[in-house]
Amino acid sequence: MDWATIAIAPDTTHHVRDGQPLYGERFDEVLKFHPPGLAPVRLGGQAWHVDTRGCPAYARRFVRTFGFYEGRAAVVSPSGWQHILPDGRDLYRQRHAWCGNYQGERCTFRDAEGRYHHVDLVGEASYRERWRYAGDYRDGIAVVQANDGRSTHIDPSGRPIHDRWFLDLDVFHKGRARARLEDGWTHVDLAGVPQYAARFAAVEPFYNGQARVERFDGALEVIDEAGQALAELRPPLRTEFASLSGDMVGFWRTQTICTAVELGLPEVLPGDSDQVAAACGLTPERALRLLRALEELRLVTRDRGRWNLTARGRFLHKEDPLTLADAAVEYGRRFTRIWDALGTSLSTHTGWAPPSLFEDVAHAPGCQGHHRMLRSYARHDYGAVPAALPLRGDEVVIDAGGGLGVLASSILRHHAGIRVVLIDRPEVIDQVEIPADLQGRLTPRAIDLFSPWSVRGDAVVLARVLHDWDDAEARQILMRAHESLGSGGRVFLVEMLVSEDAPMGSLCDLHLLVATGGKERTAAQFDTLLQETGYAPRGVIRIPALPSIIVGEVP
């Protein structure tokens, strides 16, 4: 039978052919017919499948039913998701948190722990790996997403078809797949290789050698397989002139946010503009002008004359656990002055040397603000690090340059049998407060990272430490770590990795140059530093966060 000739009635209560009802029964909802001639229906909180006469295909009832694909239908019973055969028999005995439809003799499943995998036609796992997400197969290839949020392609046995990973990814369509890199969307071939140099805000699959794409300026155009524009479908929504002009006045935003924090404005809200003016020592008219600027930045919102912090703006409140109030002042004051030396720092003829940032912070009034800023970034960026560290669970870990101990505390709470020695500069260690539940397991020590550490451990964690230093100083820190480790000891470098093929992170790299003389590095550059200081590189652990973990081992 040509199932395409059977349609769903406009009120979705039954099926019709040529506008005429197939049967007299009426349901709460029906879905499409699929081979072998059965359609899902739902009535009074129960669901099952019916034939073209509207008669039940079997006696069982479910919570929900879906269409048959490759002779198997997904259904939901009170005990979970499963597949059934056309006569209503279970395909297998297991129950799952969710399952998809069969495509290419494979089906996607999600288990109770939220992990995805594929099963074969009898419900047996096709491979041992479990994924953060897994999509349907098309032409023998599926997209899977790892725990770090990156995606790749696998074959029906779960083997990767190439060694490339992407921020987002689609299945192949006529030999090309949509793929998102750090700098935008592109199309890749079966080897995972981008097919052109351009990057876009969005791309559609190729159709007869052409694809519609959206540029970063909002323009829509059609490109060929070499990435060349063939036709413009919509002009840019913003010109490059306006975009560049916006970039050049970025300091407006920095100074507006910094000033609001210094005035204590986030702590005044909610309130009306007169209340803000009185609390912050402003004239009512100028308080309103500042509030409107913050509204443009999506930091505050106005409701019937009262101003409130947005979810974004709450990070500027000094009492927020992830407060960026200290960061706002650092970027608006100290770092703005430091950036004045960018041109000098890049020149080969000036004899420029980086400022002694850490010395300056140590002797500056209110140095606690700098370390509170670092604590907020640590709380935000390091949440996934403790679980990703490949530890046995009984080690002594040295958290070198660990600041106020955010990461050290998280590691201890995740690994009950570990002890951590937290080392940093004296003025930082003086501010460390050991939580009551970690007494006896967290030991703060005031130690200069460039001098012998006088502590021994099984592993060293250096979280966002090496990026503050040029290669010579980074090697010296790694050597001190090496001295504190025995054979088999490991070093874990928690750092943001930059790519040689994409510019993401390059502005941060310039900031490190002018602020500390440091740099962001590629995975290969970290491997070189490890090898130069006596470690054997053991690969990179990617996590769903800004940093990755580069592992080195003492032979």
Protein backbone atom coordinates (compact mmCIF):
# COMPACT_ATOMS: atom_id res chain seq x y z
CA MET A 1 0.00 0.00 0.00
CA ASP A 2 1.14 3.54 -0.71
CA TRP A 3 1.22 4.92 2.82
CA ALA A 4 1.84 8.39 1.42
CA THR A 5 -1.79 8.54 0.28
CA ILE A 6 -3.01 8.27 3.90
CA ALA A 7 -3.12 11.60 5.69
CA ILE A 8 -3.94 12.86 9.16
CA ALA A 9 -7.26 14.68 9.42
CA PRO A 10 -7.00 18.43 10.16
CA ASP A 11 -8.28 17.89 13.72
CA THR A 12 -5.64 15.09 14.22
CA THR A 13 -8.28 12.66 15.57
CA HIS A 14 -8.26 10.15 12.67
CA HIS A 15 -6.79 9.29 9.27
CA VAL A 16 -8.15 10.08 5.82
CA ARG A 17 -7.49 9.10 2.21
CA ASP A 18 -8.57 11.54 -0.49
CA GLY A 19 -10.33 13.47 2.25
CA GLN A 20 -12.47 10.52 3.35
CA PRO A 21 -12.14 8.90 6.81
CA LEU A 22 -10.48 5.47 6.82
CA TYR A 23 -12.54 4.34 9.81
CA GLY A 24 -15.24 5.52 12.18
CA GLU A 25 -13.22 5.57 15.41
CA ARG A 26 -11.95 8.93 16.80
CA PHE A 27 -8.90 9.40 19.02
CA ASP A 28 -7.35 12.20 21.04
CA GLU A 29 -4.39 12.20 18.64
CA VAL A 30 -3.03 10.13 15.75
CA LEU A 31 0.35 10.06 14.03
CA LYS A 32 1.34 8.98 10.51
CA PHE A 33 1.16 5.44 9.14
CA HIS A 34 4.43 3.63 8.53
CA PRO A 35 5.14 0.16 7.12
CA PRO A 36 3.91 -2.45 7.97
CA GLY A 37 0.70 -0.40 7.94
CA LEU A 38 0.36 0.73 11.55
CA ALA A 39 -0.08 4.17 13.06
CA PRO A 40 0.33 5.43 16.66
CA VAL A 41 -2.83 6.63 18.40
CA ARG A 42 -3.66 8.03 21.82
CA LEU A 43 -6.95 8.05 23.70
CA GLY A 44 -7.78 8.73 27.35
CA GLY A 45 -4.16 8.64 28.56
CA GLN A 46 -3.35 5.34 26.80
CA ALA A 47 -1.49 4.78 23.53
CA TRP A 48 -1.16 1.92 21.04
CA HIS A 49 -1.01 1.25 17.26
CA VAL A 50 -3.92 0.71 14.88
CA ASP A 51 -4.25 -0.69 11.37
CA THR A 52 -5.97 1.04 8.44
CA ARG A 53 -9.37 -0.02 9.79
CA GLY A 54 -8.67 1.75 13.10
CA CYS A 55 -8.44 -1.60 14.89
CA PRO A 56 -5.77 -2.22 17.59
CA ALA A 57 -2.74 -4.14 16.32
CA TYR A 58 -2.30 -5.79 19.73
CA ALA A 59 -3.87 -5.83 23.20
CA ARG A 60 -1.15 -3.94 25.12
CA ARG A 61 -1.39 -0.26 26.07
CA PHE A 62 1.40 2.26 26.63
CA VAL A 63 1.90 5.84 27.84
CA ARG A 64 3.06 6.95 24.37
CA THR A 65 3.72 5.27 21.04
CA PHE A 66 5.69 6.34 17.98
CA GLY A 67 5.96 5.21 14.37
CA PHE A 68 7.52 1.97 13.13
CA TYR A 69 10.95 2.28 11.54
CA GLU A 70 12.71 -0.79 10.18
CA GLY A 71 9.92 -2.87 11.75
CA ARG A 72 10.40 -1.51 15.28
CA ALA A 73 8.53 1.23 17.15
CA ALA A 74 9.61 3.24 20.17
CA VAL A 75 7.08 3.24 23.01
CA VAL A 76 6.92 4.58 26.54
CA SER A 77 5.65 2.36 29.33
CA PRO A 78 5.50 3.20 33.06
CA SER A 79 8.85 1.44 33.50
CA GLY A 80 10.67 3.38 30.73
CA TRP A 81 11.33 3.61 27.01
CA GLN A 82 11.66 0.56 24.77
CA HIS A 83 10.93 -0.83 21.28
CA ILE A 84 8.22 -3.24 20.26
CA LEU A 85 7.52 -5.39 17.18
CA PRO A 86 4.35 -4.96 15.07
CA ASP A 87 2.50 -7.61 17.12
CA GLY A 88 3.22 -5.69 20.34
CA ARG A 89 5.96 -8.00 21.65
CA ASP A 90 9.04 -6.50 23.30
CA LEU A 91 12.11 -6.34 21.08
CA TYR A 92 14.29 -6.71 24.21
CA ARG A 93 13.83 -6.77 27.98
CA GLN A 94 15.72 -3.59 28.94
CA ARG A 95 14.10 -0.24 29.71
CA HIS A 96 15.77 3.07 28.99
CA ALA A 97 15.52 6.75 29.87
CA TRP A 98 14.85 7.52 26.19
CA CYS A 99 15.27 5.93 22.77
CA GLY A 100 14.99 7.15 19.20
CA ASN A 101 13.90 5.52 15.96
CA TYR A 102 15.88 2.92 14.03
CA GLN A 103 17.87 4.29 11.10
CA GLY A 104 20.40 2.23 9.18
CA GLU A 105 19.98 -0.78 11.49
CA ARG A 106 21.00 1.31 14.50
CA CYS A 107 19.08 3.26 17.14
CA THR A 108 20.10 5.89 19.69
CA PHE A 109 19.52 5.23 23.40
CA ARG A 110 19.98 7.28 26.57
CA ASP A 111 20.50 5.54 29.90
CA ALA A 112 19.55 6.57 33.43
CA GLU A 113 22.89 8.38 33.86
CA GLY A 114 22.20 10.53 30.79
CA ARG A 115 24.74 8.74 28.56
CA TYR A 116 24.01 7.99 24.92
CA HIS A 117 24.95 5.03 22.72
CA HIS A 118 23.67 3.02 19.75
CA VAL A 119 22.14 -0.46 19.67
CA ASP A 120 21.64 -2.93 16.81
CA LEU A 121 18.43 -4.49 15.47
CA VAL A 122 18.02 -6.80 18.47
CA GLY A 123 18.79 -4.12 21.08
CA GLU A 124 22.41 -5.09 21.74
CA ALA A 125 24.98 -2.29 22.24
CA SER A 126 26.98 -1.66 19.07
CA TYR A 127 30.11 -0.60 21.00
CA ARG A 128 31.30 -0.04 24.59
CA GLU A 129 31.75 3.76 24.49
CA ARG A 130 29.15 6.05 26.05
CA TRP A 131 28.61 9.60 24.84
CA ARG A 132 27.22 12.87 26.06
CA TYR A 133 24.99 12.74 22.99
CA ALA A 134 24.58 10.51 19.93
CA GLY A 135 22.51 11.17 16.81
CA ASP A 136 20.96 8.96 14.13
CA TYR A 137 23.01 7.18 11.49
CA ARG A 138 22.81 8.31 7.90
CA ASP A 139 24.62 6.30 5.25
CA GLY A 140 26.50 4.42 7.99
CA ILE A 141 27.83 7.52 9.82
CA ALA A 142 26.55 9.17 13.02
CA VAL A 143 27.50 12.22 15.06
CA VAL A 144 28.51 11.72 18.70
CA GLN A 145 29.43 14.26 21.36
CA ALA A 146 32.07 13.62 24.03
CA ASN A 147 31.95 14.84 27.63
CA ASP A 148 33.95 17.93 26.73
CA GLY A 149 31.14 19.08 24.42
CA ARG A 150 33.02 18.41 21.17
CA SER A 151 31.64 16.20 18.41
CA THR A 152 32.97 13.79 15.80
CA HIS A 153 31.72 11.13 13.34
CA ILE A 154 31.65 7.37 13.98
CA ASP A 155 30.86 4.27 11.90
CA PRO A 156 28.29 1.55 12.91
CA SER A 157 30.89 -0.15 15.11
CA GLY A 158 31.61 3.06 17.01
CA ARG A 159 34.98 3.70 15.37
CA PRO A 160 35.82 7.32 14.46
CA ILE A 161 35.93 7.89 10.71
CA HIS A 162 38.46 10.72 11.20
CA ASP A 163 40.49 12.25 14.07
CA ARG A 164 38.88 15.68 14.11
CA TRP A 165 36.57 17.17 16.74
CA PHE A 166 34.23 20.13 16.40
CA LEU A 167 32.17 22.45 18.60
CA ASP A 168 29.08 21.32 16.71
CA LEU A 169 28.55 18.90 13.87
CA ASP A 170 25.97 17.47 11.49
CA VAL A 171 25.68 14.20 9.57
CA PHE A 172 26.93 14.04 6.01
CA HIS A 173 24.77 15.17 3.13
CA LYS A 174 26.16 14.34 -0.30
CA GLY A 175 29.69 13.97 1.06
CA ARG A 176 29.74 17.20 3.09
CA ALA A 177 28.83 17.88 6.72
CA ARG A 178 28.14 21.15 8.47
CA ALA A 179 30.75 21.72 11.18
CA ARG A 180 31.39 24.48 13.69
CA LEU A 181 34.95 25.45 14.60
CA GLU A 182 36.05 28.04 17.14
CA ASP A 183 35.90 30.76 14.48
CA GLY A 184 32.58 29.80 12.88
CA TRP A 185 30.70 27.33 10.68
CA THR A 186 32.07 25.57 7.61
CA HIS A 187 31.58 22.37 5.59
CA VAL A 188 33.92 19.38 6.01
CA ASP A 189 34.56 16.31 3.88
CA LEU A 190 34.62 12.66 4.99
CA ALA A 191 38.10 13.18 6.41
CA GLY A 192 36.84 16.05 8.57
CA VAL A 193 38.79 18.62 6.55
CA PRO A 194 37.19 22.07 6.01
CA GLN A 195 36.51 22.63 2.32
CA TYR A 196 37.29 26.35 2.23
CA ALA A 197 38.98 29.04 4.32
CA ALA A 198 35.95 31.25 4.98
CA ARG A 199 33.86 30.89 8.16
CA PHE A 200 30.21 31.83 8.64
CA ALA A 201 27.68 32.51 11.39
CA ALA A 202 25.48 29.70 9.96
CA VAL A 203 25.52 27.33 6.97
CA GLU A 204 22.97 25.03 5.33
CA PRO A 205 23.78 21.70 3.65
CA PHE A 206 24.93 21.77 0.02
CA TYR A 207 22.26 21.23 -2.58
CA ASN A 208 23.51 20.57 -6.14
CA GLY A 209 26.88 22.08 -5.29
CA GLN A 210 25.57 25.24 -3.60
CA ALA A 211 24.68 26.21 -0.02
CA ARG A 212 22.99 29.14 1.63
CA VAL A 213 25.06 30.74 4.42
CA GLU A 214 24.82 33.67 6.82
CA ARG A 215 27.87 35.88 7.21
CA PHE A 216 28.88 37.38 10.54
CA ASP A 217 27.62 40.78 9.39
CA GLY A 218 24.13 39.33 8.95
CA ALA A 219 24.22 39.08 5.17
CA LEU A 220 22.80 35.97 3.47
CA GLU A 221 24.50 34.56 0.41
CA VAL A 222 24.87 31.43 -1.69
CA ILE A 223 28.34 29.86 -1.92
CA ASP A 224 29.86 27.13 -4.05
CA GLU A 225 31.87 24.18 -2.70
CA ALA A 226 35.02 26.32 -2.67
CA GLY A 227 33.35 28.84 -0.37
CA GLN A 228 33.06 31.51 -3.08
CA ALA A 229 30.00 33.77 -3.05
CA LEU A 230 27.68 33.23 -6.02
CA ALA A 231 24.72 35.42 -5.04
CA GLU A 232 23.77 37.81 -2.26
CA LEU A 233 20.31 37.09 -0.84
CA ARG A 234 20.31 39.79 1.83
CA PRO A 235 22.65 42.75 2.33
CA PRO A 236 24.58 43.07 5.60
CA LEU A 237 22.51 43.98 8.65
CA ARG A 238 25.49 45.95 9.96
CA THR A 239 28.38 47.38 8.00
CA GLU A 240 31.99 46.57 8.73
CA PHE A 241 32.46 50.32 9.36
CA ALA A 242 29.88 50.27 12.14
CA SER A 243 31.22 47.00 13.54
CA LEU A 244 34.78 48.33 13.70
CA SER A 245 33.58 51.58 15.23
CA GLY A 246 31.82 49.56 17.93
CA ASP A 247 35.00 47.64 18.68
CA MET A 248 36.99 50.85 19.00
CA VAL A 249 34.75 52.19 21.77
CA GLY A 250 34.85 49.04 23.84
CA PHE A 251 36.39 51.12 26.62
CA TRP A 252 33.03 52.87 27.00
CA ARG A 253 31.61 49.60 28.30
CA THR A 254 34.59 48.89 30.56
CA GLN A 255 34.47 52.33 32.18
CA THR A 256 30.69 52.35 32.57
CA ILE A 257 30.71 48.99 34.37
CA CYS A 258 33.73 49.92 36.49
CA THR A 259 32.17 53.22 37.55
CA ALA A 260 28.85 51.57 38.45
CA VAL A 261 30.68 49.09 40.70
CA GLU A 262 32.80 51.79 42.34
CA LEU A 263 29.64 53.79 43.09
CA GLY A 264 28.08 50.71 44.72
CA LEU A 265 25.13 50.85 42.31
CA PRO A 266 24.51 47.05 42.08
CA GLU A 267 24.00 46.88 45.86
CA VAL A 268 21.36 49.66 45.75
CA LEU A 269 19.02 47.82 43.38
CA PRO A 270 16.17 47.19 43.18
CA GLY A 271 15.10 50.83 43.37
CA ASP A 272 14.02 53.83 41.34
CA SER A 273 16.42 56.32 39.82
CA ASP A 274 15.96 58.82 42.68
CA GLN A 275 16.94 56.16 45.21
CA VAL A 276 20.00 55.25 43.12
CA ALA A 277 20.94 58.92 42.85
CA ALA A 278 20.70 59.49 46.61
CA ALA A 279 22.61 56.31 47.53
CA CYS A 280 25.40 56.84 44.99
CA GLY A 281 25.80 60.61 45.36
CA LEU A 282 24.58 61.44 41.87
CA THR A 283 22.16 63.96 40.48
CA PRO A 284 18.84 62.32 39.52
CA GLU A 285 19.30 63.20 35.85
CA ARG A 286 22.78 61.72 35.65
CA ALA A 287 21.84 58.66 37.66
CA LEU A 288 19.18 58.00 35.04
CA ARG A 289 21.77 58.38 32.25
CA LEU A 290 24.05 55.83 33.93
CA LEU A 291 21.17 53.41 34.47
CA ARG A 292 20.13 53.67 30.82
CA ALA A 293 23.72 52.89 29.75
CA LEU A 294 23.70 49.83 32.00
CA GLU A 295 20.34 48.87 30.48
CA GLU A 296 21.93 48.98 27.02
CA LEU A 297 24.58 46.60 28.33
CA ARG A 298 21.80 44.25 29.57
CA LEU A 299 22.96 44.66 33.18
CA VAL A 300 19.78 46.26 34.50
CA THR A 301 16.15 46.29 33.45
CA ARG A 302 13.33 48.73 34.17
CA ASP A 303 9.84 47.79 35.32
CA ARG A 304 7.34 50.60 36.03
CA GLY A 305 10.00 53.01 37.17
CA ARG A 306 11.99 50.54 39.28
CA TRP A 307 15.37 49.27 38.22
CA ASN A 308 16.53 45.70 38.81
CA LEU A 309 19.72 43.80 38.13
CA THR A 310 19.44 41.24 35.33
CA ALA A 311 20.87 37.73 35.72
CA ARG A 312 23.94 39.08 33.92
CA GLY A 313 24.08 42.19 36.11
CA ARG A 314 23.91 40.21 39.37
CA PHE A 315 27.51 39.13 38.80
CA LEU A 316 28.46 42.76 39.60
CA HIS A 317 26.97 42.52 43.10
CA LYS A 318 29.76 42.23 45.66
CA GLU A 319 27.96 39.44 47.54
CA ASP A 320 27.38 37.17 44.56
CA PRO A 321 29.41 33.91 44.89
CA LEU A 322 30.78 34.53 41.39
CA THR A 323 31.10 38.28 41.79
CA LEU A 324 32.89 40.14 39.00
CA ALA A 325 32.83 43.41 40.91
CA ASP A 326 36.55 43.18 41.65
CA ALA A 327 37.26 42.25 38.03
CA ALA A 328 35.32 45.30 36.83
CA VAL A 329 37.58 47.59 38.86
CA GLU A 330 40.75 45.72 37.86
CA TYR A 331 39.95 45.99 34.15
CA GLY A 332 38.74 49.57 34.44
CA ARG A 333 41.71 50.83 36.41
CA ARG A 334 44.90 48.75 36.77
CA PHE A 335 44.68 46.84 33.47
CA THR A 336 43.59 49.88 31.45
CA ARG A 337 46.81 51.61 32.44
CA ILE A 338 48.86 48.51 31.72
CA TRP A 339 47.42 48.22 28.20
CA ASP A 340 48.88 51.63 27.35
CA ALA A 341 52.18 49.79 26.86
CA LEU A 342 50.89 47.37 24.19
CA GLY A 343 52.74 49.04 21.30
CA THR A 344 55.94 49.25 23.31
CA SER A 345 55.66 45.61 24.38
CA LEU A 346 55.40 44.49 20.77
CA SER A 347 58.40 46.49 19.54
CA THR A 348 61.83 44.93 19.18
CA HIS A 349 63.69 48.18 19.85
CA THR A 350 62.40 49.42 23.21
CA GLY A 351 63.94 47.04 25.74
CA TRP A 352 60.50 46.76 27.29
CA ALA A 353 60.01 44.52 30.32
CA PRO A 354 56.63 43.41 31.67
CA PRO A 355 55.37 45.01 34.87
CA SER A 356 55.89 43.17 38.13
CA LEU A 357 52.17 42.56 38.43
CA PHE A 358 52.27 40.12 41.32
CA GLU A 359 54.71 42.27 43.29
CA ASP A 360 52.59 45.34 42.62
CA VAL A 361 49.44 43.53 43.74
CA ALA A 362 51.16 42.25 46.87
CA HIS A 363 52.04 45.76 48.03
CA ALA A 364 48.99 47.59 46.77
CA PRO A 365 46.22 48.69 49.16
CA GLY A 366 43.23 46.40 48.83
CA CYS A 367 45.15 43.58 47.16
CA GLN A 368 42.38 41.25 48.36
CA GLY A 369 40.25 42.44 45.43
CA HIS A 370 42.65 40.95 42.89
CA HIS A 371 42.52 37.56 44.58
CA ARG A 372 38.74 37.69 44.96
CA MET A 373 38.62 38.26 41.20
CA LEU A 374 40.77 35.19 40.60
CA ARG A 375 38.59 33.21 43.03
CA SER A 376 35.46 34.03 41.00
CA TYR A 377 37.09 32.92 37.77
CA ALA A 378 38.28 29.73 39.45
CA ARG A 379 34.79 28.96 40.75
CA HIS A 380 33.38 29.49 37.26
CA ASP A 381 36.04 27.74 35.17
CA TYR A 382 37.21 24.80 37.29
CA GLY A 383 33.95 23.03 38.17
CA ALA A 384 34.61 20.09 35.82
CA VAL A 385 38.33 19.78 36.61
CA PRO A 386 38.31 17.57 39.78
CA ALA A 387 36.27 14.79 38.15
CA ALA A 388 38.44 14.90 35.03
CA LEU A 389 41.76 14.55 36.86
CA PRO A 390 42.97 10.94 36.44
CA LEU A 391 43.80 10.36 40.10
CA ARG A 392 43.85 7.07 42.02
CA GLY A 393 42.25 8.71 45.04
CA ASP A 394 45.00 8.36 47.64
CA GLU A 395 47.61 10.86 46.43
CA VAL A 396 49.22 13.92 47.93
CA VAL A 397 48.50 16.67 45.41
CA ILE A 398 50.39 19.95 45.29
CA ASP A 399 48.18 22.78 44.05
CA ALA A 400 50.89 25.21 42.99
CA GLY A 401 49.87 28.83 42.57
CA GLY A 402 46.41 27.78 43.72
CA GLY A 403 45.35 31.17 45.09
CA LEU A 404 42.68 31.07 47.78
CA GLY A 405 42.17 27.31 47.36
CA VAL A 406 38.99 27.08 45.27
CA LEU A 407 40.29 24.27 43.08
CA ALA A 408 42.10 22.57 45.98
CA SER A 409 38.85 22.43 47.97
CA SER A 410 36.93 21.06 44.99
CA ILE A 411 39.53 18.33 44.43
CA LEU A 412 39.38 17.30 48.08
CA ARG A 413 35.58 17.11 48.08
CA HIS A 414 35.56 15.03 44.90
CA HIS A 415 38.35 12.64 46.00
CA ALA A 416 37.79 11.67 49.64
CA GLY A 417 41.17 9.98 50.11
CA ILE A 418 43.40 12.75 48.78
CA ARG A 419 45.41 15.36 50.66
CA VAL A 420 46.34 18.71 49.09
CA VAL A 421 49.23 21.04 49.81
CA LEU A 422 48.30 24.53 48.58
CA ILE A 423 51.33 26.69 47.79
CA ASP A 424 51.39 30.35 46.79
CA ARG A 425 52.88 33.71 47.71
CA PRO A 426 52.75 34.67 51.43
CA GLU A 427 50.20 37.48 50.99
CA VAL A 428 47.89 35.02 49.22
CA ILE A 429 48.29 32.21 51.75
CA ASP A 430 47.53 34.70 54.54
CA GLN A 431 44.03 35.09 53.06
CA VAL A 432 43.28 31.34 52.80
CA GLU A 433 40.45 30.10 55.00
CA ILE A 434 40.30 26.32 55.35
CA PRO A 435 36.70 25.03 55.35
CA ALA A 436 35.73 23.07 58.45
CA ASP A 437 35.13 19.87 56.48
CA LEU A 438 38.65 20.00 54.99
CA GLN A 439 40.65 20.54 58.18
CA GLY A 440 43.62 18.17 58.24
CA ARG A 441 43.46 17.48 54.51
CA LEU A 442 44.28 20.95 53.12
CA THR A 443 47.67 22.38 54.08
CA PRO A 444 48.52 25.95 52.94
CA ARG A 445 52.24 26.74 52.53
CA ALA A 446 53.82 30.08 51.63
CA ILE A 447 56.33 29.15 48.92
CA ASP A 448 57.90 31.03 46.01
CA LEU A 449 57.21 28.98 42.87
CA PHE A 450 60.67 29.83 41.50
CA SER A 451 62.55 28.59 44.58
CA PRO A 452 62.77 24.98 45.83
CA TRP A 453 59.32 24.02 47.10
CA SER A 454 60.39 21.91 50.11
CA VAL A 455 57.31 19.73 49.69
CA ARG A 456 56.83 16.33 48.09
CA GLY A 457 53.77 14.99 46.31
CA ASP A 458 52.43 12.41 43.90
CA ALA A 459 50.92 14.99 41.55
CA VAL A 460 51.16 18.72 40.88
CA VAL A 461 48.33 20.88 39.61
CA LEU A 462 49.24 24.16 37.89
CA ALA A 463 45.94 25.86 37.09
CA ARG A 464 46.27 28.94 34.89
CA VAL A 465 49.78 29.51 36.25
CA LEU A 466 52.11 28.93 33.31
CA HIS A 467 50.18 31.28 31.05
CA ASP A 468 51.34 34.15 33.30
CA TRP A 469 54.96 33.52 32.33
CA ASP A 470 57.16 33.41 29.28
CA ASP A 471 58.82 30.15 28.32
CA ALA A 472 61.95 30.60 30.45
CA GLU A 473 59.96 31.21 33.63
CA ALA A 474 57.46 28.46 32.75
CA ARG A 475 60.30 25.98 32.41
CA GLN A 476 61.66 27.03 35.80
CA ILE A 477 58.29 26.43 37.48
CA LEU A 478 57.98 23.04 35.79
CA MET A 479 61.46 22.11 36.99
CA ARG A 480 60.51 22.98 40.59
CA ALA A 481 57.43 20.79 40.21
CA HIS A 482 59.63 18.00 38.80
CA GLU A 483 61.87 18.21 41.89
CA SER A 484 58.82 17.64 44.11
CA LEU A 485 57.70 14.51 42.25
CA GLY A 486 59.08 11.01 42.17
CA SER A 487 59.15 8.60 39.24
CA GLY A 488 55.61 8.19 37.95
CA GLY A 489 54.53 11.51 39.43
CA ARG A 490 52.32 13.59 37.21
CA VAL A 491 51.80 17.25 36.49
CA PHE A 492 48.39 18.56 35.40
CA LEU A 493 48.41 21.87 33.56
CA VAL A 494 44.95 23.42 33.58
CA GLU A 495 45.09 25.92 30.74
CA MET A 496 43.11 27.38 27.88
CA LEU A 497 44.51 25.93 24.67
CA VAL A 498 44.72 28.08 21.57
CA SER A 499 44.76 26.72 18.04
CA GLU A 500 47.27 27.42 15.31
CA ASP A 501 44.37 27.48 12.84
CA ALA A 502 41.94 29.82 14.63
CA PRO A 503 42.38 33.20 16.38
CA MET A 504 40.22 32.51 19.45
CA GLY A 505 42.11 33.52 22.60
CA SER A 506 44.45 35.92 20.83
CA LEU A 507 43.20 39.03 22.65
CA CYS A 508 43.71 37.26 25.95
CA ASP A 509 47.20 36.41 24.75
CA LEU A 510 47.93 40.12 24.22
CA HIS A 511 46.55 40.88 27.67
CA LEU A 512 48.97 38.38 29.21
CA LEU A 513 51.83 39.93 27.27
CA VAL A 514 51.27 43.44 28.60
CA ALA A 515 50.16 42.38 32.10
CA THR A 516 52.72 39.71 33.02
CA GLY A 517 54.86 38.94 29.96
CA GLY A 518 53.06 35.60 29.68
CA LYS A 519 51.29 33.93 26.78
CA GLU A 520 48.54 31.52 25.79
CA ARG A 521 49.87 28.33 24.21
CA THR A 522 48.89 25.51 21.89
CA ALA A 523 48.88 21.88 23.00
CA ALA A 524 52.08 21.33 21.02
CA GLN A 525 53.81 24.20 22.81
CA PHE A 526 52.88 22.77 26.20
CA ASP A 527 54.20 19.37 25.11
CA THR A 528 57.48 21.04 24.19
CA LEU A 529 57.74 22.70 27.61
CA LEU A 530 57.08 19.34 29.29
CA GLN A 531 59.70 17.55 27.23
CA GLU A 532 62.26 20.29 27.86
CA THR A 533 61.80 19.90 31.62
CA GLY A 534 62.01 16.12 31.82
CA TYR A 535 58.37 15.05 31.54
CA ALA A 536 56.79 12.61 29.15
CA PRO A 537 53.65 14.21 27.64
CA ARG A 538 50.58 12.04 28.30
CA GLY A 539 47.99 13.86 26.22
CA VAL A 540 45.20 16.39 26.72
CA ILE A 541 41.97 15.90 28.68
CA ARG A 542 39.27 18.19 27.31
CA ILE A 543 36.43 19.20 29.59
CA PRO A 544 33.19 21.15 28.95
CA ALA A 545 34.73 24.42 30.10
CA LEU A 546 37.24 27.05 28.99
CA PRO A 547 40.38 25.17 30.10
CA SER A 548 41.75 21.76 29.20
CA ILE A 549 44.10 19.54 31.23
CA ILE A 550 47.54 18.84 29.75
CA VAL A 551 49.15 15.82 31.42
CA GLY A 552 52.86 15.16 31.89
CA GLU A 553 54.55 12.30 33.74
CA VAL A 554 57.96 11.94 35.35
CA PRO A 555 59.64 8.88 33.71
